[in-house]
């Protein structure tokens, strides 16, 4: 049985902070010679996520 989906609503600033934080973490893993598969998957999901624009 799959776990239920989680919905996270982020502001533009929070989105940027999460994205660049994941990139920084990925770079640290690469420097250590460790796998980045999980972080890569999160970055892809984050980029594909639907963005709401409130004006």
C-alpha atoms as a PDB file:
ATOM      1  CA  UNK A   1       0.000   0.000   0.000  1.00  0.00           C
ATOM      2  CA  UNK A   2       1.339   3.416  -0.970  1.00  0.00           C
ATOM      3  CA  UNK A   3       1.648   6.160   1.608  1.00  0.00           C
ATOM      4  CA  UNK A   4      -0.721   9.097   1.068  1.00  0.00           C
ATOM      5  CA  UNK A   5       0.505  11.982  -1.087  1.00  0.00           C
ATOM      6  CA  UNK A   6       1.632  15.106   0.694  1.00  0.00           C
ATOM      7  CA  UNK A   7       0.985  18.587  -0.626  1.00  0.00           C
ATOM      8  CA  UNK A   8       3.390  21.372   0.267  1.00  0.00           C
ATOM      9  CA  UNK A   9       2.548  24.968  -0.512  1.00  0.00           C
ATOM     10  CA  UNK A  10       5.599  27.206  -0.796  1.00  0.00           C
ATOM     11  CA  UNK A  11       6.086  30.895  -1.422  1.00  0.00           C
ATOM     12  CA  UNK A  12       8.552  31.934  -4.116  1.00  0.00           C
ATOM     13  CA  UNK A  13      11.206  32.612  -1.493  1.00  0.00           C
ATOM     14  CA  UNK A  14      10.650  29.216   0.158  1.00  0.00           C
ATOM     15  CA  UNK A  15      10.791  27.491  -3.235  1.00  0.00           C
ATOM     16  CA  UNK A  16      14.121  29.162  -4.024  1.00  0.00           C
ATOM     17  CA  UNK A  17      15.529  28.327  -0.593  1.00  0.00           C
ATOM     18  CA  UNK A  18      14.530  24.670  -0.961  1.00  0.00           C
ATOM     19  CA  UNK A  19      15.886  24.417  -4.513  1.00  0.00           C
ATOM     20  CA  UNK A  20      19.266  25.996  -3.762  1.00  0.00           C
ATOM     21  CA  UNK A  21      19.541  24.092  -0.490  1.00  0.00           C
ATOM     22  CA  UNK A  22      19.074  20.803  -2.338  1.00  0.00           C
ATOM     23  CA  UNK A  23      21.650  21.863  -4.944  1.00  0.00           C
ATOM     24  CA  UNK A  24      24.138  22.711  -2.200  1.00  0.00           C
ATOM     25  CA  UNK A  25      23.514  19.356  -0.498  1.00  0.00           C
ATOM     26  CA  UNK A  26      23.924  17.539  -3.840  1.00  0.00           C
ATOM     27  CA  UNK A  27      27.251  19.283  -4.454  1.00  0.00           C
ATOM     28  CA  UNK A  28      28.488  18.244  -0.999  1.00  0.00           C
ATOM     29  CA  UNK A  29      27.534  14.620  -1.730  1.00  0.00           C
ATOM     30  CA  UNK A  30      29.425  14.760  -5.034  1.00  0.00           C
ATOM     31  CA  UNK A  31      32.514  16.129  -3.285  1.00  0.00           C
ATOM     32  CA  UNK A  32      32.327  13.229  -0.812  1.00  0.00           C
ATOM     33  CA  UNK A  33      31.966  10.718  -3.636  1.00  0.00           C
ATOM     34  CA  UNK A  34      28.514   9.624  -2.453  1.00  0.00           C
ATOM     35  CA  UNK A  35      25.380   8.839  -4.452  1.00  0.00           C
ATOM     36  CA  UNK A  36      23.033  11.704  -5.303  1.00  0.00           C
ATOM     37  CA  UNK A  37      20.103   9.674  -6.651  1.00  0.00           C
ATOM     38  CA  UNK A  38      17.618  10.633  -3.914  1.00  0.00           C
ATOM     39  CA  UNK A  39      18.463  14.332  -4.109  1.00  0.00           C
ATOM     40  CA  UNK A  40      18.271  14.224  -7.920  1.00  0.00           C
ATOM     41  CA  UNK A  41      14.773  12.738  -7.712  1.00  0.00           C
ATOM     42  CA  UNK A  42      13.669  15.480  -5.325  1.00  0.00           C
ATOM     43  CA  UNK A  43      15.065  18.197  -7.580  1.00  0.00           C
ATOM     44  CA  UNK A  44      13.229  16.750 -10.579  1.00  0.00           C
ATOM     45  CA  UNK A  45       9.958  16.523  -8.634  1.00  0.00           C
ATOM     46  CA  UNK A  46      10.400  20.073  -7.419  1.00  0.00           C
ATOM     47  CA  UNK A  47      10.963  21.370 -10.953  1.00  0.00           C
ATOM     48  CA  UNK A  48       7.955  19.479 -12.300  1.00  0.00           C
ATOM     49  CA  UNK A  49       5.680  20.661  -9.508  1.00  0.00           C
ATOM     50  CA  UNK A  50       2.826  22.892 -10.475  1.00  0.00           C
ATOM     51  CA  UNK A  51       3.401  26.480  -9.530  1.00  0.00           C
ATOM     52  CA  UNK A  52       0.587  28.820  -8.601  1.00  0.00           C
ATOM     53  CA  UNK A  53       1.172  32.456  -9.351  1.00  0.00           C
ATOM     54  CA  UNK A  54      -0.743  34.879  -7.209  1.00  0.00           C
ATOM     55  CA  UNK A  55      -0.640  38.419  -8.433  1.00  0.00           C
END
